Protein backbone atom coordinates (compact mmCIF):
# COMPACT_ATOMS: atom_id res chain seq x y z
CA MET A 1 8.28 -88.00 56.93
CA THR A 2 4.90 -86.45 56.25
CA VAL A 3 3.06 -84.60 59.00
CA ARG A 4 -0.23 -82.83 58.44
CA VAL A 5 -0.22 -80.00 60.95
CA LYS A 6 -3.50 -78.36 59.97
CA THR A 7 -5.63 -78.80 56.93
CA ASN A 8 -8.98 -77.79 55.59
CA SER A 9 -8.41 -79.56 52.28
CA ASN A 10 -5.93 -81.84 50.55
CA ILE A 11 -3.02 -79.91 49.04
CA ASP A 12 -2.42 -82.57 46.38
CA GLN A 13 -6.04 -82.88 45.26
CA PRO A 14 -7.51 -79.42 45.86
CA LYS A 15 -11.19 -78.78 45.51
CA ARG A 16 -11.61 -76.86 42.29
CA LYS A 17 -13.30 -73.57 43.04
CA PRO A 18 -15.45 -72.22 40.23
CA ALA A 19 -13.82 -69.55 38.15
CA SER A 20 -15.34 -66.10 37.89
CA PRO A 21 -17.34 -65.62 34.69
CA GLU A 22 -15.24 -62.50 34.10
CA ARG A 23 -11.72 -63.76 34.83
CA PRO A 24 -9.77 -66.92 35.72
CA PHE A 25 -9.25 -68.18 39.26
CA VAL A 26 -5.62 -67.19 39.98
CA LEU A 27 -3.14 -69.22 42.01
CA VAL A 28 0.39 -68.09 42.86
CA ASN A 29 2.93 -70.82 43.69
CA MET A 30 6.41 -70.08 45.01
CA ALA A 31 9.20 -71.81 46.91
CA ILE A 32 10.77 -69.54 49.53
CA THR A 33 13.56 -69.80 52.06
CA ALA A 34 12.86 -69.47 55.77
CA ASP A 35 13.81 -65.79 55.45
CA GLY A 36 11.39 -65.23 52.58
CA LYS A 37 13.77 -65.19 49.60
CA ILE A 38 13.06 -66.72 46.19
CA ALA A 39 16.65 -66.49 44.93
CA THR A 40 20.10 -65.42 46.10
CA ALA A 41 21.15 -61.76 45.90
CA ASN A 42 23.02 -62.39 42.64
CA HIS A 43 20.15 -64.55 41.27
CA ALA A 44 22.63 -67.41 40.81
CA ILE A 45 20.51 -69.82 42.88
CA ALA A 46 16.79 -69.80 42.16
CA SER A 47 15.91 -73.48 42.38
CA PHE A 48 16.30 -74.92 45.86
CA GLY A 49 13.17 -76.91 46.72
CA SER A 50 13.13 -80.68 47.14
CA SER A 51 11.67 -83.30 44.81
CA HIS A 52 8.45 -82.97 46.83
CA ASP A 53 8.31 -79.28 45.95
CA HIS A 54 8.86 -80.07 42.27
CA ASP A 55 6.08 -82.66 42.37
CA ASN A 56 3.79 -80.10 44.03
CA LEU A 57 4.56 -77.58 41.26
CA LEU A 58 3.71 -80.05 38.50
CA THR A 59 0.61 -81.23 40.34
CA LEU A 60 -0.60 -77.63 40.51
CA ARG A 61 0.13 -77.17 36.80
CA ALA A 62 -1.94 -80.28 36.15
CA GLY A 63 -4.98 -78.50 37.55
CA VAL A 64 -4.94 -75.27 35.53
CA ASP A 65 -5.59 -74.12 31.98
CA ALA A 66 -2.58 -71.80 31.80
CA VAL A 67 0.76 -71.12 33.51
CA MET A 68 2.22 -67.59 33.63
CA SER A 69 5.66 -66.22 34.51
CA GLY A 70 7.54 -62.99 34.04
CA ALA A 71 10.26 -62.52 31.45
CA GLY A 72 13.02 -62.71 34.05
CA THR A 73 11.93 -66.18 35.08
CA VAL A 74 11.61 -67.40 31.49
CA ASN A 75 14.99 -65.91 30.54
CA SER A 76 16.77 -67.44 33.52
CA GLY A 77 17.21 -71.02 32.31
CA PRO A 78 15.70 -74.09 30.62
CA ILE A 79 12.11 -73.20 31.49
CA THR A 80 9.18 -74.28 29.28
CA LEU A 81 6.18 -73.70 31.62
CA GLY A 82 4.84 -77.03 30.37
CA PRO A 83 3.04 -79.82 32.23
CA GLY A 84 6.09 -82.06 32.56
CA PRO A 85 6.25 -85.86 32.26
CA VAL A 86 3.43 -88.05 31.01
CA LYS A 87 2.24 -88.77 34.58
CA TYR A 88 1.12 -85.16 34.95
CA ARG A 89 -0.28 -84.92 31.42
CA ARG A 90 -2.48 -87.92 32.17
CA MET A 91 -3.54 -86.19 35.38
CA ARG A 92 -4.65 -83.22 33.30
CA ILE A 93 -6.68 -85.39 30.96
CA ARG A 94 -8.39 -87.15 33.88
CA ARG A 95 -9.40 -83.72 35.15
CA GLY A 96 -10.96 -82.82 31.82
CA LEU A 97 -8.17 -80.46 30.74
CA ALA A 98 -6.11 -80.34 27.57
CA GLU A 99 -2.97 -82.48 27.72
CA TYR A 100 -0.77 -79.36 27.51
CA ASN A 101 -1.44 -76.08 29.26
CA LEU A 102 -1.37 -72.65 27.67
CA ARG A 103 1.82 -70.70 28.45
CA ILE A 104 1.95 -66.97 29.22
CA ILE A 105 4.88 -64.58 29.57
CA ALA A 106 4.25 -61.17 31.15
CA SER A 107 6.71 -58.34 30.51
CA ARG A 108 5.80 -54.67 30.36
CA GLY A 109 8.86 -53.98 28.18
CA ALA A 110 8.70 -57.26 26.21
CA ASN A 111 12.17 -58.06 27.53
CA VAL A 112 11.91 -61.68 26.50
CA ASN A 113 14.97 -63.37 25.05
CA PRO A 114 14.01 -64.73 21.58
CA ASP A 115 16.48 -67.56 22.21
CA ALA A 116 14.80 -68.60 25.47
CA GLU A 117 14.20 -72.32 25.89
CA ILE A 118 10.42 -71.91 25.98
CA PHE A 119 10.28 -71.04 22.26
CA ARG A 120 11.97 -74.32 21.32
CA HIS A 121 8.97 -76.31 22.54
CA LYS A 122 5.86 -76.02 20.38
CA PHE A 123 3.51 -78.29 22.34
CA SER A 124 1.07 -75.48 23.27
CA PRO A 125 0.36 -71.81 22.50
CA ILE A 126 2.59 -69.11 23.97
CA LEU A 127 1.09 -65.70 24.72
CA ILE A 128 3.08 -62.58 25.60
CA LEU A 129 1.44 -59.81 27.64
CA THR A 130 3.13 -56.43 27.32
CA THR A 131 2.61 -52.67 27.01
CA ASP A 132 3.30 -49.73 24.73
CA ARG A 133 6.74 -49.49 26.35
CA ALA A 134 7.88 -52.31 24.07
CA THR A 135 9.61 -51.12 20.90
CA PRO A 136 9.02 -52.59 17.43
CA GLU A 137 12.56 -53.98 17.59
CA GLN A 138 11.56 -55.98 20.65
CA LEU A 139 8.10 -56.96 19.46
CA ASN A 140 8.79 -58.05 15.88
CA PRO A 141 10.92 -61.14 16.66
CA LEU A 142 8.57 -62.14 19.47
CA ARG A 143 5.56 -61.98 17.15
CA THR A 144 7.22 -64.60 14.96
CA LEU A 145 7.83 -66.88 17.96
CA ALA A 146 4.72 -66.47 20.11
CA THR A 147 1.18 -67.41 19.22
CA GLU A 148 0.02 -63.89 20.13
CA VAL A 149 1.49 -60.72 21.59
CA LYS A 150 -1.10 -58.63 23.42
CA ILE A 151 -0.64 -54.95 24.33
CA LEU A 152 -2.43 -54.27 27.60
CA GLY A 153 -1.59 -50.77 28.73
CA PRO A 154 0.57 -47.73 28.03
CA ARG A 155 3.23 -48.27 30.74
CA GLU A 156 2.04 -51.06 33.04
CA ILE A 157 0.15 -54.24 32.20
CA ASN A 158 -3.50 -53.94 33.11
CA PHE A 159 -3.82 -57.38 34.63
CA ARG A 160 -7.54 -57.16 35.28
CA ARG A 161 -8.07 -56.52 31.60
CA ALA A 162 -5.50 -59.21 30.74
CA LEU A 163 -7.35 -61.82 32.79
CA GLN A 164 -10.67 -60.87 31.22
CA TRP A 165 -9.09 -61.28 27.78
CA LEU A 166 -7.64 -64.66 28.74
CA ARG A 167 -11.06 -65.80 29.96
CA GLU A 168 -12.96 -64.53 26.93
CA LYS A 169 -10.58 -65.41 24.08
CA TRP A 170 -8.64 -68.39 25.43
CA ASN A 171 -11.21 -69.86 27.84
CA VAL A 172 -8.73 -69.78 30.73
CA LYS A 173 -10.67 -70.67 33.87
CA ARG A 174 -7.73 -71.39 36.18
CA LEU A 175 -4.37 -69.64 35.91
CA LEU A 176 -1.18 -70.50 37.81
CA CYS A 177 1.41 -67.74 38.28
CA GLU A 178 4.99 -68.77 39.10
CA GLY A 179 6.61 -65.36 39.61
CA GLY A 180 8.86 -63.57 39.74
CA GLY A 181 8.40 -61.07 42.49
CA GLU A 182 7.41 -58.06 40.36
CA LEU A 183 4.70 -60.02 38.53
CA ASN A 184 3.37 -61.38 41.81
CA ASP A 185 3.38 -57.89 43.33
CA ALA A 186 1.29 -56.51 40.46
CA LEU A 187 -1.28 -59.27 40.89
CA PHE A 188 -1.41 -58.82 44.67
CA ARG A 189 -1.85 -55.04 44.39
CA ALA A 190 -4.66 -55.51 41.85
CA GLY A 191 -6.46 -57.92 44.20
CA LEU A 192 -6.34 -60.71 41.61
CA VAL A 193 -4.75 -63.56 43.60
CA ASP A 194 -7.33 -66.06 44.82
CA GLU A 195 -4.97 -68.62 46.33
CA LEU A 196 -1.33 -68.54 47.45
CA HIS A 197 0.79 -71.70 47.65
CA LEU A 198 4.14 -71.47 49.44
CA THR A 199 6.80 -74.11 49.97
CA ILE A 200 8.91 -72.96 52.93
CA CYS A 201 12.38 -74.47 52.65
CA PRO A 202 14.87 -74.81 55.55
CA LYS A 203 17.47 -72.44 54.13
CA ILE A 204 18.58 -68.87 54.80
CA PHE A 205 19.89 -66.79 51.89
CA GLY A 206 19.98 -63.34 53.46
CA GLY A 207 20.94 -60.27 51.48
CA ARG A 208 18.93 -57.06 51.19
CA ARG A 209 19.00 -57.39 47.39
CA ALA A 210 17.82 -60.98 47.29
CA PRO A 211 14.38 -61.09 45.62
CA THR A 212 11.25 -61.98 47.55
CA ILE A 213 7.83 -63.29 46.62
CA ALA A 214 6.48 -59.77 46.01
CA ASP A 215 9.03 -57.18 44.91
CA GLY A 216 8.13 -54.21 42.75
CA VAL A 217 5.97 -51.30 43.92
CA GLY A 218 4.47 -52.80 47.06
CA VAL A 219 2.15 -50.89 49.40
CA THR A 220 2.80 -48.04 51.83
CA LYS A 221 -0.12 -48.61 54.22
CA LEU A 222 -1.09 -51.70 56.17
CA ALA A 223 -4.70 -51.25 55.09
CA ALA A 224 -3.62 -51.72 51.45
CA ALA A 225 -1.92 -55.09 52.09
CA ALA A 226 -3.37 -58.14 50.36
CA GLN A 227 -5.09 -60.21 53.04
CA PHE A 228 -5.18 -64.01 53.15
CA LYS A 229 -6.50 -66.79 55.39
CA LEU A 230 -4.78 -70.08 56.12
CA LYS A 231 -6.35 -72.92 54.18
CA SER A 232 -3.93 -75.78 54.83
CA LEU A 233 -0.49 -76.58 56.18
CA LYS A 234 1.41 -79.78 55.51
CA ARG A 235 4.93 -80.87 56.47
CA ILE A 236 6.97 -83.22 54.29
CA GLY A 237 10.43 -83.80 55.69
CA ASP A 238 11.82 -80.39 56.59
CA GLU A 239 9.64 -78.42 54.17
CA LEU A 240 6.27 -76.82 54.88
CA PHE A 241 3.60 -76.64 52.19
CA VAL A 242 1.26 -73.77 53.03
CA VAL A 243 -1.89 -72.74 51.20
CA TYR A 244 -3.64 -69.42 51.80
CA THR A 245 -6.93 -68.29 50.33
CA ALA A 246 -7.72 -64.64 49.67
CA ALA A 247 -9.78 -62.78 52.22
CA ALA A 248 -12.94 -61.15 50.95
CA LYS A 249 -11.51 -57.63 51.28
CA ASN A 250 -9.16 -58.26 48.34
CA PHE A 251 -12.09 -58.17 45.91
């Protein structure tokens, strides 16, 4: 059953907002439980959305130049950050994009497993964003596997600078971030998220240690919270597909 509760645009065929000349337009997409979790407390269950959620993820990937995730996400299983089956690759081509998207891994300590599944698939460049925290022992094997390893800060990744670099060197105009929570938190705190896509699933995980959409440092004052406005809300079966757009105060 599909019910459109409120919508200002079509979630499946979004209007493509122009990217900033200085940085890409940034979307964050996450599936969450009804209590706001993105995985169980022991991280054993991190994939729980329906086939509709999976289709939504690949449809969003089909509209961007690059897909980014943190090292924890990439290390967690058979993840490639690619566009998926030919249906979605053709969608990309129809939209004037390359058949395969650029892939980005963000990790301030370069804690990326060299044996991760993503490195076994050579269909598009892989970039690693990291900091001076990373040791030569960590960086050297990754430099042989990734297309480029970019140092972007002494202790924390400077994401504003990272996005400017992605725009200037790699012509990334639209970037999709797929978590985890610490990466999302850094982008929210920097005011770099333009659009937030959430699939709300009818499950409760509970657990104070279960990760959420924005873990990490967070904010201590309400005035510092990232502000968003509802753009659209769609129900498919028992899941809700919600899209928020950033309020002007974030920028």
